[in-house]
Amino acid sequence: MWAALLPVGRDPDGGGYHRFAWTPPELECRDWFLDEARGRGLPVEPDANGNLFAWWLPEDGTRDGAVLTGSHLDSVPGGGAFDGPLGVVSAFAAIDLLRERGVRPARPIAVGAFAEEEGARFGVACLGSRLLAGVIDPARARALTDADGRTLAAVLAENGLDPDAIGPDEALLGRVSCFVELHVEQGRALEVPVGAASAIVPHGRWRFDFAGAGDHAGTTRLEDRRDPMLPFARMALAAREAAGRHGTLATVGKVRVTPGGVNAIPSAVTAWLDARGPSAGGVRRTVEDVERAARAEAGAHRVTVGVAEESASEAVEFDLALRDRVCAALGGAPVLPTGAGHDAGVLSARMPAAMLFVRNPTGVSHAPAEHADPADRVAGVEALAAVLEDLTHG
C-alpha cells in the first residue's frame, strides 16, 4: 500500500508532495482508497462533504456503534509523505492484521479519509470534518475560493457532489461511537515508537489584505508611493516579535503579490498568519499585536488593510476515558500534547476522540524530511489493531 501511494503527487525535484483537494493527485489517492477498500470487501459510502468511509461490518451487518479510524490523503504544498496517509494506510493494515488473527468485530469499524484537512486549496483546515461535525456554516464553505478564484461549490459540482447538500450528517454521526486517528508525530518529543495525544493547543489562521496603488518602480518617487509590501513586511516581523512576547508560535508562510512584477510597485499583497500557543489568550494577544503593527505601518504609507479570521480552534482536550482505554490497550503509552490541528480535534466536538502518534525521528513535518521508520510504522499498525479490537469488543 505504501509503495503504491509514494509516487502520487510527488515533486521529482524537491521530493515534497502536492496533493490538494480534488486535484488530479488527490483524486488518484481517492481512487487508491476505493481500490483498497473494495479489495477487502469493505463497502464505501462517501458523505455529501467529500469524505470517504469504508465499512468493516460485524456478522449482523449493523452500522451502529461504529469505531471510526483513518485520517486524510491531501497535503500541504511540498509536504511530507506521512502526514495523513499514514493514518489511512495503517487503518487498512490494522484490519488486515485483525483478520489474520481471526478477529471479527462485534461492532463495525469504519475507515475514513477526510477531505481538505490541510486547507491548502480552500484555506480552511479540516474542512471535510468541520462540515460533517457542523462547525462551519455550509454557505460560507460553498463560497470559499482557491488560488484560481474557483469556489468550493463549483469544484464539488465538477466532482459529482451536490454543493447544496454539504453540512452535518446527523445519521452518520449517530452511528459512530468514537474516533481514533493514527498520525505521524509532528515533532521530536516521542522517544518510543507509539504514543497517545492528550490535547491540541489553540490555533488559527488569519488573512491580511493590504491594498495600495500599483506604479512604476523606476519613475515613482518614494514619497508618492502607496506600497503595500512595506506594511506586509512589518506584519511578518511583528509576528515573530509578538510570538516571543506571548509565548506562542506565529508564522507567515504564504503571501500573494499583485501584479507580481519585478519592476512594478505592487497594488495589493495578501498574507496569511498562522498563530498557535498553549493558551487561547496568548494566541489572541499575538494576533492583536500583529494587526496593530500592520495597521500602523499601513497608515504611514497610505495603504488600507483588512484582517479576516479564516479559522480558529480553541484548545481540545481529548476524551480522558477514551485516552485511558487506548493507553491500557497498548499496555501503557506516553501521552503528549500537539501543536498541530487534526480531524480528531474537530470531531471531538461531536464524539469521544483519541489519537495515536508514530515516532518521527527527524522531528520535521510539512516538509520532505518528515519520516517514520518501517519498524515504527509496523508498531503503529499493531497498536491501532489492539485499540480497535478492544473498542469493538468492549
Protein backbone atom coordinates (compact mmCIF):
# COMPACT_ATOMS: atom_id res chain seq x y z
CA MET A 1 0.00 0.00 0.00
CA TRP A 2 2.72 2.46 0.94
CA ALA A 3 4.66 1.84 -2.25
CA ALA A 4 1.54 2.49 -4.31
CA LEU A 5 0.98 5.90 -2.70
CA LEU A 6 4.56 7.18 -2.64
CA PRO A 7 4.75 8.40 -6.26
CA VAL A 8 1.38 10.14 -6.28
CA GLY A 9 1.75 13.93 -6.33
CA ARG A 10 5.46 13.85 -5.51
CA ASP A 11 7.70 16.62 -6.81
CA PRO A 12 10.58 14.82 -8.57
CA ASP A 13 12.97 17.68 -7.82
CA GLY A 14 12.20 18.76 -4.26
CA GLY A 15 10.70 15.48 -3.08
CA GLY A 16 7.67 17.11 -1.45
CA TYR A 17 4.04 16.28 -2.12
CA HIS A 18 1.37 18.41 -3.78
CA ARG A 19 -1.94 16.65 -3.18
CA PHE A 20 -4.52 19.42 -2.98
CA ALA A 21 -8.19 18.61 -2.54
CA TRP A 22 -9.93 17.49 -5.75
CA THR A 23 -6.85 17.96 -7.92
CA PRO A 24 -5.56 15.01 -10.02
CA PRO A 25 -3.04 13.74 -7.42
CA GLU A 26 -5.60 13.81 -4.60
CA LEU A 27 -8.22 12.22 -6.83
CA GLU A 28 -5.72 9.46 -7.59
CA CYS A 29 -5.33 8.95 -3.84
CA ARG A 30 -9.10 8.68 -3.56
CA ASP A 31 -9.11 6.02 -6.28
CA TRP A 32 -6.42 4.18 -4.31
CA PHE A 33 -8.68 4.31 -1.23
CA LEU A 34 -11.60 2.87 -3.19
CA ASP A 35 -9.42 0.09 -4.62
CA GLU A 36 -8.02 -0.86 -1.20
CA ALA A 37 -11.48 -0.92 0.36
CA ARG A 38 -13.07 -2.96 -2.42
CA GLY A 39 -10.16 -5.38 -2.43
CA ARG A 40 -11.01 -6.13 1.20
CA GLY A 41 -14.73 -6.36 0.59
CA LEU A 42 -15.39 -3.16 2.53
CA PRO A 43 -18.33 -1.16 1.17
CA VAL A 44 -17.50 2.52 0.67
CA GLU A 45 -20.01 5.24 1.50
CA PRO A 46 -18.94 8.82 0.71
CA ASP A 47 -20.80 11.56 2.51
CA ALA A 48 -22.07 14.80 0.96
CA ASN A 49 -18.92 16.66 2.03
CA GLY A 50 -16.46 14.59 0.03
CA ASN A 51 -15.32 12.43 2.96
CA LEU A 52 -14.89 8.70 2.25
CA PHE A 53 -15.83 5.88 4.64
CA ALA A 54 -15.09 2.18 4.19
CA TRP A 55 -17.00 -0.19 6.48
CA TRP A 56 -15.94 -3.49 8.08
CA LEU A 57 -19.22 -4.78 9.42
CA PRO A 58 -19.95 -7.37 12.12
CA GLU A 59 -21.85 -10.53 11.24
CA ASP A 60 -25.24 -8.93 11.85
CA GLY A 61 -24.41 -6.15 9.38
CA THR A 62 -25.14 -3.30 11.78
CA ARG A 63 -23.53 0.09 11.32
CA ASP A 64 -24.49 1.31 14.79
CA GLY A 65 -21.89 1.94 17.48
CA ALA A 66 -19.07 2.09 14.93
CA VAL A 67 -15.46 2.81 15.80
CA LEU A 68 -14.12 5.28 13.24
CA THR A 69 -10.43 5.45 12.36
CA GLY A 70 -8.39 6.87 9.47
CA SER A 71 -7.06 10.33 8.61
CA HIS A 72 -6.63 12.29 5.34
CA LEU A 73 -4.90 11.98 1.97
CA ASP A 74 -4.32 15.60 0.95
CA SER A 75 -1.11 17.52 1.68
CA VAL A 76 0.30 20.98 2.25
CA PRO A 77 2.41 22.41 -0.60
CA GLY A 78 5.67 20.46 -0.66
CA GLY A 79 4.54 18.30 2.26
CA GLY A 80 5.89 15.04 3.59
CA ALA A 81 4.73 11.56 2.72
CA PHE A 82 3.37 10.58 6.13
CA ASP A 83 1.13 13.40 7.35
CA GLY A 84 -2.34 11.99 6.77
CA PRO A 85 -1.75 8.94 4.54
CA LEU A 86 -0.01 7.06 7.36
CA GLY A 87 -3.28 7.01 9.30
CA VAL A 88 -5.28 5.69 6.33
CA VAL A 89 -2.75 3.04 5.31
CA SER A 90 -2.38 1.93 8.94
CA ALA A 91 -6.16 1.61 9.32
CA PHE A 92 -6.40 -0.79 6.38
CA ALA A 93 -3.33 -2.67 7.62
CA ALA A 94 -4.83 -2.96 11.12
CA ILE A 95 -7.95 -4.54 9.62
CA ASP A 96 -5.72 -6.98 7.71
CA LEU A 97 -3.92 -7.87 10.93
CA LEU A 98 -7.15 -8.44 12.84
CA ARG A 99 -8.48 -10.66 10.07
CA GLU A 100 -5.27 -12.67 10.06
CA ARG A 101 -5.85 -13.27 13.77
CA GLY A 102 -9.39 -14.44 13.13
CA VAL A 103 -10.99 -11.41 14.76
CA ARG A 104 -14.50 -10.41 13.69
CA PRO A 105 -15.60 -7.15 15.30
CA ALA A 106 -18.69 -7.14 17.46
CA ARG A 107 -19.22 -3.55 16.34
CA PRO A 108 -18.41 -2.02 12.95
CA ILE A 109 -15.11 -0.39 12.10
CA ALA A 110 -15.13 2.47 9.60
CA VAL A 111 -12.00 3.73 7.85
CA GLY A 112 -12.30 7.41 6.97
CA ALA A 113 -10.42 9.66 4.55
CA PHE A 114 -11.37 13.26 5.27
CA ALA A 115 -11.41 15.97 2.61
CA GLU A 116 -9.25 19.12 2.59
CA GLU A 117 -7.73 18.50 6.00
CA GLU A 118 -4.75 20.75 5.33
CA GLY A 119 -6.78 23.59 3.87
CA ALA A 120 -4.11 24.00 1.19
CA ARG A 121 -6.63 24.68 -1.58
CA PHE A 122 -9.56 26.48 0.05
CA GLY A 123 -7.89 27.96 3.13
CA VAL A 124 -9.87 26.29 5.93
CA ALA A 125 -8.15 23.37 7.63
CA CYS A 126 -10.12 20.19 8.38
CA LEU A 127 -12.87 21.38 6.06
CA GLY A 128 -14.40 17.93 5.49
CA SER A 129 -14.60 17.11 9.18
CA ARG A 130 -15.77 20.64 10.03
CA LEU A 131 -18.67 20.28 7.61
CA LEU A 132 -19.52 16.82 8.91
CA ALA A 133 -19.46 17.98 12.52
CA GLY A 134 -21.45 21.13 11.77
CA VAL A 135 -18.79 23.56 12.99
CA ILE A 136 -18.62 25.60 9.78
CA ASP A 137 -21.55 27.24 8.00
CA PRO A 138 -22.18 25.41 4.71
CA ALA A 139 -22.93 28.71 2.95
CA ARG A 140 -19.55 30.06 3.97
CA ALA A 141 -17.88 26.84 2.84
CA ARG A 142 -19.56 26.92 -0.57
CA ALA A 143 -18.19 30.43 -1.16
CA LEU A 144 -14.56 29.56 -0.32
CA THR A 145 -12.24 30.09 -3.28
CA ASP A 146 -8.92 28.61 -4.33
CA ALA A 147 -5.92 30.45 -5.81
CA ASP A 148 -7.61 30.47 -9.21
CA GLY A 149 -10.79 32.03 -7.84
CA ARG A 150 -12.80 28.83 -8.19
CA THR A 151 -15.38 28.24 -5.48
CA LEU A 152 -15.71 25.10 -3.43
CA ALA A 153 -19.27 24.83 -4.75
CA ALA A 154 -18.07 24.70 -8.34
CA VAL A 155 -15.33 22.16 -7.59
CA LEU A 156 -17.74 19.91 -5.70
CA ALA A 157 -20.22 20.01 -8.57
CA GLU A 158 -17.48 19.10 -11.04
CA ASN A 159 -16.70 16.05 -8.92
CA GLY A 160 -20.25 14.75 -8.73
CA LEU A 161 -21.22 16.24 -5.37
CA ASP A 162 -24.20 18.49 -4.69
CA PRO A 163 -22.92 21.75 -3.16
CA ASP A 164 -26.32 22.41 -1.60
CA ALA A 165 -26.15 19.12 0.33
CA ILE A 166 -22.95 19.80 2.27
CA GLY A 167 -23.11 20.11 6.05
CA PRO A 168 -23.59 17.93 9.13
CA ASP A 169 -24.65 14.33 8.59
CA GLU A 170 -26.55 13.50 11.75
CA ALA A 171 -27.35 9.97 10.62
CA LEU A 172 -23.68 9.16 10.11
CA LEU A 173 -22.59 10.89 13.30
CA GLY A 174 -25.25 8.96 15.20
CA ARG A 175 -23.78 5.64 14.07
CA VAL A 176 -20.24 6.43 15.29
CA SER A 177 -19.30 5.82 18.91
CA CYS A 178 -15.76 7.24 18.81
CA PHE A 179 -12.88 8.24 16.52
CA VAL A 180 -9.26 7.10 16.86
CA GLU A 181 -6.82 8.77 14.47
CA LEU A 182 -3.28 7.50 13.96
CA HIS A 183 -0.83 10.17 12.80
CA VAL A 184 2.88 10.65 12.39
CA GLU A 185 4.27 12.77 15.21
CA GLN A 186 4.94 16.32 14.06
CA GLY A 187 7.86 16.96 16.36
CA ARG A 188 10.56 15.06 18.20
CA ALA A 189 9.02 14.63 21.66
CA LEU A 190 8.18 10.91 21.30
CA GLU A 191 11.04 8.64 22.36
CA VAL A 192 9.26 5.30 21.82
CA PRO A 193 7.54 4.04 18.66
CA VAL A 194 3.96 4.89 19.66
CA GLY A 195 2.32 7.42 21.95
CA ALA A 196 -1.09 8.96 22.57
CA ALA A 197 -2.33 12.54 22.43
CA SER A 198 -3.55 14.48 25.43
CA ALA A 199 -4.62 17.71 23.75
CA ILE A 200 -4.35 20.03 20.75
CA VAL A 201 -3.28 23.58 21.59
CA PRO A 202 -5.31 26.61 20.39
CA HIS A 203 -4.51 27.60 16.81
CA GLY A 204 -5.87 29.51 13.85
CA ARG A 205 -5.33 31.28 10.54
CA TRP A 206 -5.85 34.96 9.72
CA ARG A 207 -5.72 36.64 6.29
CA PHE A 208 -4.27 40.15 5.91
CA ASP A 209 -5.25 42.06 2.75
CA PHE A 210 -3.08 45.11 2.03
CA ALA A 211 -4.26 47.44 -0.77
CA GLY A 212 -2.11 50.24 -2.17
CA ALA A 213 -1.52 51.62 -5.64
CA GLY A 214 0.43 49.96 -8.42
CA ASP A 215 3.00 52.07 -10.22
CA HIS A 216 6.36 52.05 -11.99
CA ALA A 217 9.35 51.01 -9.89
CA GLY A 218 11.73 53.30 -11.75
CA THR A 219 9.74 56.52 -12.08
CA THR A 220 7.63 56.83 -8.92
CA ARG A 221 9.19 58.93 -6.14
CA LEU A 222 9.40 57.28 -2.72
CA GLU A 223 7.19 59.94 -1.15
CA ASP A 224 4.49 59.35 -3.78
CA ARG A 225 4.27 55.62 -3.29
CA ARG A 226 1.46 53.64 -1.67
CA ASP A 227 3.40 50.39 -1.45
CA PRO A 228 1.53 47.54 0.32
CA MET A 229 4.72 45.49 0.54
CA LEU A 230 6.02 47.72 3.35
CA PRO A 231 3.20 47.11 5.87
CA PHE A 232 3.28 43.45 4.87
CA ALA A 233 6.98 43.32 5.76
CA ARG A 234 6.24 44.95 9.11
CA MET A 235 3.42 42.44 9.68
CA ALA A 236 5.79 39.48 9.11
CA LEU A 237 8.38 40.88 11.52
CA ALA A 238 5.67 41.73 14.07
CA ALA A 239 4.52 38.11 14.04
CA ARG A 240 7.90 36.91 15.26
CA GLU A 241 8.14 39.66 17.85
CA ALA A 242 4.62 39.10 19.20
CA ALA A 243 5.16 35.35 19.45
CA GLY A 244 8.25 35.95 21.56
CA ARG A 245 6.35 38.26 23.89
CA HIS A 246 3.36 35.96 24.40
CA GLY A 247 4.98 32.52 24.42
CA THR A 248 3.29 31.43 21.20
CA LEU A 249 4.25 30.41 17.67
CA ALA A 250 3.43 32.71 14.76
CA THR A 251 4.25 32.08 11.12
CA VAL A 252 3.77 33.94 7.86
CA GLY A 253 4.22 31.18 5.30
CA LYS A 254 2.02 32.24 2.40
CA VAL A 255 1.88 35.53 0.50
CA ARG A 256 0.41 36.67 -2.81
CA VAL A 257 1.63 39.82 -4.52
CA THR A 258 -0.36 41.60 -7.24
CA PRO A 259 0.67 42.02 -10.01
CA GLY A 260 3.97 40.36 -9.10
CA GLY A 261 6.30 42.23 -11.47
CA VAL A 262 9.94 42.87 -10.61
CA ASN A 263 9.76 46.43 -11.95
CA ALA A 264 6.30 47.28 -10.60
CA ILE A 265 5.20 48.59 -7.23
CA PRO A 266 2.55 46.12 -6.03
CA SER A 267 -1.06 47.20 -5.92
CA ALA A 268 -2.02 44.54 -3.36
CA VAL A 269 -0.48 42.00 -1.04
CA THR A 270 -2.34 39.20 0.72
CA ALA A 271 -0.62 37.30 3.50
CA TRP A 272 -1.67 34.61 5.93
CA LEU A 273 -0.77 34.43 9.62
CA ASP A 274 -0.72 31.10 11.44
CA ALA A 275 -0.76 31.50 15.22
CA ARG A 276 -0.67 28.77 17.88
CA GLY A 277 0.10 28.55 21.55
CA PRO A 278 -0.61 26.90 24.89
CA SER A 279 -3.38 29.38 25.72
CA ALA A 280 -6.15 30.94 23.66
CA GLY A 281 -5.41 34.28 25.32
CA GLY A 282 -1.80 34.18 24.20
CA VAL A 283 -2.83 33.42 20.64
CA ARG A 284 -5.40 36.22 20.67
CA ARG A 285 -2.90 38.76 22.01
CA THR A 286 -0.38 37.67 19.38
CA VAL A 287 -2.84 38.28 16.56
CA GLU A 288 -3.92 41.62 18.06
CA ASP A 289 -0.30 42.80 18.24
CA VAL A 290 0.37 41.79 14.65
CA GLU A 291 -2.77 43.53 13.43
CA ARG A 292 -1.91 46.68 15.38
CA ALA A 293 1.59 46.83 13.87
CA ALA A 294 0.27 46.15 10.36
CA ARG A 295 -2.35 48.90 10.61
CA ALA A 296 0.13 51.45 11.96
CA GLU A 297 2.59 50.78 9.13
CA ALA A 298 -0.22 50.75 6.57
CA GLY A 299 -1.39 54.16 7.76
CA ALA A 300 2.11 55.58 7.42
CA HIS A 301 2.18 54.53 3.76
CA ARG A 302 -1.45 55.37 2.85
CA VAL A 303 -2.27 51.68 2.45
CA THR A 304 -5.51 50.04 3.60
CA VAL A 305 -5.52 46.72 5.41
CA GLY A 306 -8.29 44.22 6.11
CA VAL A 307 -7.96 41.33 8.52
CA ALA A 308 -10.18 38.24 8.39
CA GLU A 309 -10.20 35.17 10.60
CA GLU A 310 -10.30 32.14 8.32
CA SER A 311 -10.32 29.52 11.06
CA ALA A 312 -9.72 29.39 14.79
CA SER A 313 -9.83 26.46 17.18
CA GLU A 314 -9.81 26.54 20.95
CA ALA A 315 -7.79 24.05 22.95
CA VAL A 316 -9.02 20.47 22.54
CA GLU A 317 -8.67 18.13 25.50
CA PHE A 318 -9.19 14.62 24.19
CA ASP A 319 -11.72 12.43 25.98
CA LEU A 320 -9.93 11.24 29.10
CA ALA A 321 -11.79 7.93 29.44
CA LEU A 322 -11.12 7.02 25.81
CA ARG A 323 -7.49 8.07 26.06
CA ASP A 324 -7.00 5.95 29.16
CA ARG A 325 -8.64 2.99 27.45
CA VAL A 326 -6.40 3.43 24.41
CA CYS A 327 -3.31 3.53 26.59
CA ALA A 328 -4.47 0.47 28.54
CA ALA A 329 -4.98 -1.47 25.31
CA LEU A 330 -1.33 -0.73 24.49
CA GLY A 331 -0.10 -1.79 27.90
CA GLY A 332 0.77 1.82 28.63
CA ALA A 333 1.96 4.61 26.36
CA PRO A 334 3.43 8.09 26.77
CA VAL A 335 0.93 10.90 26.48
CA LEU A 336 1.82 14.22 24.86
CA PRO A 337 0.08 17.34 23.54
CA THR A 338 0.40 18.55 19.95
CA GLY A 339 0.54 21.93 18.31
CA ALA A 340 -0.89 20.57 15.07
CA GLY A 341 -4.57 20.54 14.19
CA HIS A 342 -6.29 17.29 13.20
CA ASP A 343 -9.68 15.93 12.16
CA ALA A 344 -9.79 14.19 15.54
CA GLY A 345 -9.76 17.60 17.22
CA VAL A 346 -12.70 18.79 15.14
CA LEU A 347 -14.75 15.61 15.57
CA SER A 348 -14.14 15.66 19.33
CA ALA A 349 -16.93 18.26 19.46
CA ARG A 350 -19.38 15.53 18.42
CA MET A 351 -17.92 12.27 19.79
CA PRO A 352 -15.16 10.91 22.02
CA ALA A 353 -11.89 11.12 20.07
CA ALA A 354 -8.34 9.97 20.63
CA MET A 355 -5.05 9.99 18.73
CA LEU A 356 -2.07 7.71 18.38
CA PHE A 357 1.28 9.13 17.29
CA VAL A 358 4.03 7.22 15.49
CA ARG A 359 7.55 8.41 16.21
CA ASN A 360 9.19 10.81 13.76
CA PRO A 361 12.99 10.64 14.19
CA THR A 362 13.64 13.78 12.14
CA GLY A 363 11.11 15.88 14.01
CA VAL A 364 10.30 17.54 10.67
CA SER A 365 6.75 17.76 9.32
CA HIS A 366 5.06 19.54 6.40
CA ALA A 367 8.33 19.06 4.52
CA PRO A 368 10.07 16.22 2.61
CA ALA A 369 12.22 15.24 5.61
CA GLU A 370 9.15 14.06 7.53
CA HIS A 371 9.72 10.39 8.34
CA ALA A 372 8.68 7.30 10.25
CA ASP A 373 10.87 4.19 10.28
CA PRO A 374 9.33 0.96 8.92
CA ALA A 375 9.60 -0.77 12.29
CA ASP A 376 7.80 2.11 13.98
CA ARG A 377 5.10 2.10 11.31
CA VAL A 378 4.52 -1.60 11.97
CA ALA A 379 4.36 -0.85 15.69
CA GLY A 380 1.73 1.77 14.89
CA VAL A 381 -0.35 -0.77 12.95
CA GLU A 382 -0.12 -3.26 15.81
CA ALA A 383 -1.09 -0.57 18.32
CA LEU A 384 -4.07 0.56 16.24
CA ALA A 385 -5.19 -3.06 15.78
CA ALA A 386 -5.06 -3.61 19.54
CA VAL A 387 -7.10 -0.48 20.15
CA LEU A 388 -9.70 -1.33 17.51
CA GLU A 389 -10.10 -4.87 18.82
CA ASP A 390 -10.57 -3.58 22.37
CA LEU A 391 -13.06 -0.88 21.40
CA THR A 392 -15.18 -3.15 19.21
CA HIS A 393 -15.42 -5.94 21.79
CA GLY A 394 -15.89 -3.96 24.98
